[in-house]
Every structure is written in structure tokens, then in C-alpha cells.
Amino acid sequence: MPIELEMVLRVLLAMVLGGILGFQRGKAEKPAGLRDLILICSGAALFTVVSVYGFGITDQARVAAGIVTGIGFLGAGVILRRDDSNVVKGLTTAATIWITAGIGMAAGSGMYILAVAVTVMVFLVLILPWWLNKKD
């Protein structure tokens, strides 16, 4: 398979995996939904692919650190404190943004099984409380 095709497929996989998590967040009417998580996951995959193939022999760990830092700002943007109380909203959405970027990095670096497995695990974590409450 040509290397350019493999790069595109890595980013496409990230888009699909981000879409799975984004679909769930959108159905739950959370701030970061389908489009957001697709873009976060595929963006992380793209930066990872570019760092692996575009820069030759450089320190790809610095690109990964940059992705994590940038995603931290996005996550911070969805965490809000309500009124003067100590009620904090958005922590799960921020954590979902953070791990979605990690899934994108895994897909972008060719760790396909890891990316898919973590997506399934995260999806289950996100729907499990809803499913348990529905059983009552």
C-alpha cells in the first residue's frame, strides 16, 4: 500500500473513532459533540502522522506533548463552575476530549487495535451510567 494512502487511512480511522464518541456525546446533549470530537480525533491523528512522516528523524514526543497541551486548553474551555456554588460541570466532556485526542494519536501512529479497543472502552464508560439508570 502506498504510504500516502496509509496516512489518509490513519486519519480516516481517527475520524470514524472520534465520530463514535462524538455521536454518544451529541445524543447526551453535551457541549462537545459529533463534529467536535471528529475534528479533535482526526486533528491529533494528522499531527501525529505529519510528525512521523513529515519531519524525518526528529523527536516525535515533542509533537505528542504539543497535542496534549493544546487539547488541555480545549478541555479547560468546557469546564465551568456554576454560580457561587462548588458545582463543576463539564469534567466528563473535558476528559472525553482528552482521551479522544489520545485515540487520534494512536490511530495516527498506526496503533489500530489500541485505538479501536480504547474507543470501545470509552464508549462503554460513557454509556454505562445511562444504561444502569435506565434499568431502575
C-alpha atoms as a PDB file:
ATOM      1  CA  MET A   1       0.000   0.000   0.000  1.00  0.00           C
ATOM      2  CA  PRO A   2       1.412   3.439  -0.845  1.00  0.00           C
ATOM      3  CA  ILE A   3       2.475   5.353   2.255  1.00  0.00           C
ATOM      4  CA  GLU A   4       0.253   8.330   1.396  1.00  0.00           C
ATOM      5  CA  LEU A   5      -2.797   6.062   1.290  1.00  0.00           C
ATOM      6  CA  GLU A   6      -1.875   4.609   4.671  1.00  0.00           C
ATOM      7  CA  MET A   7      -1.590   8.145   6.092  1.00  0.00           C
ATOM      8  CA  VAL A   8      -5.058   9.015   4.803  1.00  0.00           C
ATOM      9  CA  LEU A   9      -6.492   5.772   6.192  1.00  0.00           C
ATOM     10  CA  ARG A  10      -4.999   6.512   9.617  1.00  0.00           C
ATOM     11  CA  VAL A  11      -6.687   9.899   9.716  1.00  0.00           C
ATOM     12  CA  LEU A  12      -9.917   8.396   8.358  1.00  0.00           C
ATOM     13  CA  LEU A  13      -9.883   5.769  11.117  1.00  0.00           C
ATOM     14  CA  ALA A  14      -9.442   8.554  13.654  1.00  0.00           C
ATOM     15  CA  MET A  15     -12.418  10.383  12.141  1.00  0.00           C
ATOM     16  CA  VAL A  16     -14.598   7.285  12.492  1.00  0.00           C
ATOM     17  CA  LEU A  17     -13.490   6.606  16.062  1.00  0.00           C
ATOM     18  CA  GLY A  18     -13.943  10.240  17.071  1.00  0.00           C
ATOM     19  CA  GLY A  19     -17.356  10.131  15.419  1.00  0.00           C
ATOM     20  CA  ILE A  20     -18.410   7.171  17.539  1.00  0.00           C
ATOM     21  CA  LEU A  21     -17.625   9.034  20.744  1.00  0.00           C
ATOM     22  CA  GLY A  22     -18.982  12.286  19.351  1.00  0.00           C
ATOM     23  CA  PHE A  23     -22.261  10.634  18.432  1.00  0.00           C
ATOM     24  CA  GLN A  24     -22.705   9.478  22.020  1.00  0.00           C
ATOM     25  CA  ARG A  25     -21.851  12.909  23.435  1.00  0.00           C
ATOM     26  CA  GLY A  26     -24.199  14.585  20.976  1.00  0.00           C
ATOM     27  CA  LYS A  27     -27.065  12.251  21.906  1.00  0.00           C
ATOM     28  CA  ALA A  28     -26.381  13.102  25.562  1.00  0.00           C
ATOM     29  CA  GLU A  29     -26.573  16.803  24.575  1.00  0.00           C
ATOM     30  CA  LYS A  30     -23.094  17.610  25.861  1.00  0.00           C
ATOM     31  CA  PRO A  31     -21.046  20.644  24.757  1.00  0.00           C
ATOM     32  CA  ALA A  32     -18.557  18.685  22.635  1.00  0.00           C
ATOM     33  CA  GLY A  33     -20.486  16.551  20.170  1.00  0.00           C
ATOM     34  CA  LEU A  34     -20.090  14.793  16.853  1.00  0.00           C
ATOM     35  CA  ARG A  35     -18.246  17.401  14.804  1.00  0.00           C
ATOM     36  CA  ASP A  36     -16.056  18.500  17.701  1.00  0.00           C
ATOM     37  CA  LEU A  37     -14.777  15.032  18.565  1.00  0.00           C
ATOM     38  CA  ILE A  38     -14.303  14.089  14.903  1.00  0.00           C
ATOM     39  CA  LEU A  39     -12.143  17.172  14.444  1.00  0.00           C
ATOM     40  CA  ILE A  40     -10.219  16.618  17.679  1.00  0.00           C
ATOM     41  CA  CYS A  41      -9.502  12.960  16.924  1.00  0.00           C
ATOM     42  CA  SER A  42      -8.605  13.469  13.270  1.00  0.00           C
ATOM     43  CA  GLY A  43      -6.546  16.573  14.075  1.00  0.00           C
ATOM     44  CA  ALA A  44      -4.496  14.654  16.629  1.00  0.00           C
ATOM     45  CA  ALA A  45      -4.036  11.845  14.084  1.00  0.00           C
ATOM     46  CA  LEU A  46      -2.971  14.298  11.391  1.00  0.00           C
ATOM     47  CA  PHE A  47      -0.390  15.985  13.621  1.00  0.00           C
ATOM     48  CA  THR A  48       0.910  12.551  14.617  1.00  0.00           C
ATOM     49  CA  VAL A  49       1.152  11.353  11.000  1.00  0.00           C
ATOM     50  CA  VAL A  50       2.905  14.561   9.985  1.00  0.00           C
ATOM     51  CA  SER A  51       5.358  14.271  12.864  1.00  0.00           C
ATOM     52  CA  VAL A  52       6.156  10.644  11.992  1.00  0.00           C
ATOM     53  CA  TYR A  53       6.465  11.032   8.220  1.00  0.00           C
ATOM     54  CA  GLY A  54       6.981  14.718   7.576  1.00  0.00           C
ATOM     55  CA  PHE A  55       9.917  15.651   9.760  1.00  0.00           C
ATOM     56  CA  GLY A  56      12.308  12.753   9.251  1.00  0.00           C
ATOM     57  CA  ILE A  57      14.287  11.746  12.297  1.00  0.00           C
ATOM     58  CA  THR A  58      13.088  14.193  14.910  1.00  0.00           C
ATOM     59  CA  ASP A  59      11.680  13.881  18.365  1.00  0.00           C
ATOM     60  CA  GLN A  60       8.051  12.929  17.777  1.00  0.00           C
ATOM     61  CA  ALA A  61       7.458  13.021  21.521  1.00  0.00           C
ATOM     62  CA  ARG A  62       7.572  16.819  21.354  1.00  0.00           C
ATOM     63  CA  VAL A  63       4.706  16.835  18.854  1.00  0.00           C
ATOM     64  CA  ALA A  64       2.744  14.495  21.119  1.00  0.00           C
ATOM     65  CA  ALA A  65       3.402  16.829  24.057  1.00  0.00           C
ATOM     66  CA  GLY A  66       2.188  19.756  21.977  1.00  0.00           C
ATOM     67  CA  ILE A  67      -1.017  17.928  21.114  1.00  0.00           C
ATOM     68  CA  VAL A  68      -1.658  17.157  24.764  1.00  0.00           C
ATOM     69  CA  THR A  69      -1.042  20.794  25.726  1.00  0.00           C
ATOM     70  CA  GLY A  70      -3.369  22.124  23.038  1.00  0.00           C
ATOM     71  CA  ILE A  71      -6.079  19.671  23.953  1.00  0.00           C
ATOM     72  CA  GLY A  72      -5.770  20.789  27.573  1.00  0.00           C
ATOM     73  CA  PHE A  73      -6.879  24.252  26.530  1.00  0.00           C
ATOM     74  CA  LEU A  74      -9.908  22.855  24.721  1.00  0.00           C
ATOM     75  CA  GLY A  75     -10.803  20.741  27.732  1.00  0.00           C
ATOM     76  CA  ALA A  76     -10.447  23.698  30.073  1.00  0.00           C
ATOM     77  CA  GLY A  77     -12.887  25.603  27.914  1.00  0.00           C
ATOM     78  CA  VAL A  78     -15.711  23.153  28.594  1.00  0.00           C
ATOM     79  CA  ILE A  79     -15.225  23.009  32.365  1.00  0.00           C
ATOM     80  CA  LEU A  80     -17.447  25.549  34.074  1.00  0.00           C
ATOM     81  CA  ARG A  81     -18.241  26.383  37.663  1.00  0.00           C
ATOM     82  CA  ARG A  82     -21.915  27.198  38.142  1.00  0.00           C
ATOM     83  CA  ASP A  83     -22.949  30.272  40.167  1.00  0.00           C
ATOM     84  CA  ASP A  84     -21.198  30.723  43.512  1.00  0.00           C
ATOM     85  CA  SER A  85     -21.603  27.075  44.401  1.00  0.00           C
ATOM     86  CA  ASN A  86     -18.938  24.418  44.156  1.00  0.00           C
ATOM     87  CA  VAL A  87     -20.786  22.613  41.369  1.00  0.00           C
ATOM     88  CA  VAL A  88     -18.438  21.960  38.471  1.00  0.00           C
ATOM     89  CA  LYS A  89     -19.817  20.921  35.087  1.00  0.00           C
ATOM     90  CA  GLY A  90     -18.023  19.552  32.055  1.00  0.00           C
ATOM     91  CA  LEU A  91     -15.376  17.319  33.597  1.00  0.00           C
ATOM     92  CA  THR A  92     -16.544  14.233  31.710  1.00  0.00           C
ATOM     93  CA  THR A  93     -16.665  16.178  28.450  1.00  0.00           C
ATOM     94  CA  ALA A  94     -13.156  17.535  29.074  1.00  0.00           C
ATOM     95  CA  ALA A  95     -11.888  14.029  29.822  1.00  0.00           C
ATOM     96  CA  THR A  96     -13.592  12.763  26.667  1.00  0.00           C
ATOM     97  CA  ILE A  97     -11.859  15.460  24.614  1.00  0.00           C
ATOM     98  CA  TRP A  98      -8.536  14.481  26.192  1.00  0.00           C
ATOM     99  CA  ILE A  99      -8.854  10.741  25.569  1.00  0.00           C
ATOM    100  CA  THR A 100     -10.275  11.307  22.072  1.00  0.00           C
ATOM    101  CA  ALA A 101      -7.055  13.120  21.192  1.00  0.00           C
ATOM    102  CA  GLY A 102      -5.128  10.145  22.561  1.00  0.00           C
ATOM    103  CA  ILE A 103      -7.170   7.817  20.359  1.00  0.00           C
ATOM    104  CA  GLY A 104      -6.351  10.018  17.380  1.00  0.00           C
ATOM    105  CA  MET A 105      -2.654   9.885  18.248  1.00  0.00           C
ATOM    106  CA  ALA A 106      -2.827   6.089  18.475  1.00  0.00           C
ATOM    107  CA  ALA A 107      -4.563   5.846  15.091  1.00  0.00           C
ATOM    108  CA  GLY A 108      -2.131   8.315  13.571  1.00  0.00           C
ATOM    109  CA  SER A 109       0.864   6.329  14.758  1.00  0.00           C
ATOM    110  CA  GLY A 110      -0.516   3.049  13.381  1.00  0.00           C
ATOM    111  CA  MET A 111      -1.674   1.512  16.654  1.00  0.00           C
ATOM    112  CA  TYR A 112      -5.004   0.471  15.147  1.00  0.00           C
ATOM    113  CA  ILE A 113      -6.039  -2.219  17.626  1.00  0.00           C
ATOM    114  CA  LEU A 114      -5.230   0.042  20.568  1.00  0.00           C
ATOM    115  CA  ALA A 115      -7.213   2.933  19.058  1.00  0.00           C
ATOM    116  CA  VAL A 116     -10.278   0.772  18.388  1.00  0.00           C
ATOM    117  CA  ALA A 117     -10.113  -1.019  21.753  1.00  0.00           C
ATOM    118  CA  VAL A 118      -9.839   2.226  23.722  1.00  0.00           C
ATOM    119  CA  THR A 119     -12.723   3.718  21.728  1.00  0.00           C
ATOM    120  CA  VAL A 120     -14.918   0.767  22.676  1.00  0.00           C
ATOM    121  CA  MET A 121     -13.865   1.027  26.326  1.00  0.00           C
ATOM    122  CA  VAL A 122     -14.505   4.781  26.465  1.00  0.00           C
ATOM    123  CA  PHE A 123     -17.867   4.375  24.739  1.00  0.00           C
ATOM    124  CA  LEU A 124     -18.860   1.805  27.356  1.00  0.00           C
ATOM    125  CA  VAL A 125     -17.734   4.085  30.177  1.00  0.00           C
ATOM    126  CA  LEU A 126     -19.813   6.913  28.720  1.00  0.00           C
ATOM    127  CA  ILE A 127     -22.994   4.860  28.274  1.00  0.00           C
ATOM    128  CA  LEU A 128     -22.726   2.640  31.358  1.00  0.00           C
ATOM    129  CA  PRO A 129     -24.146   5.179  33.850  1.00  0.00           C
ATOM    130  CA  TRP A 130     -27.065   5.896  31.468  1.00  0.00           C
ATOM    131  CA  TRP A 131     -27.703   2.176  30.982  1.00  0.00           C
ATOM    132  CA  LEU A 132     -27.593   1.473  34.732  1.00  0.00           C
ATOM    133  CA  ASN A 133     -30.007   4.336  35.459  1.00  0.00           C
ATOM    134  CA  LYS A 134     -32.370   3.100  32.735  1.00  0.00           C
ATOM    135  CA  LYS A 135     -32.576  -0.350  34.397  1.00  0.00           C
ATOM    136  CA  ASP A 136     -34.143   1.196  37.533  1.00  0.00           C
END
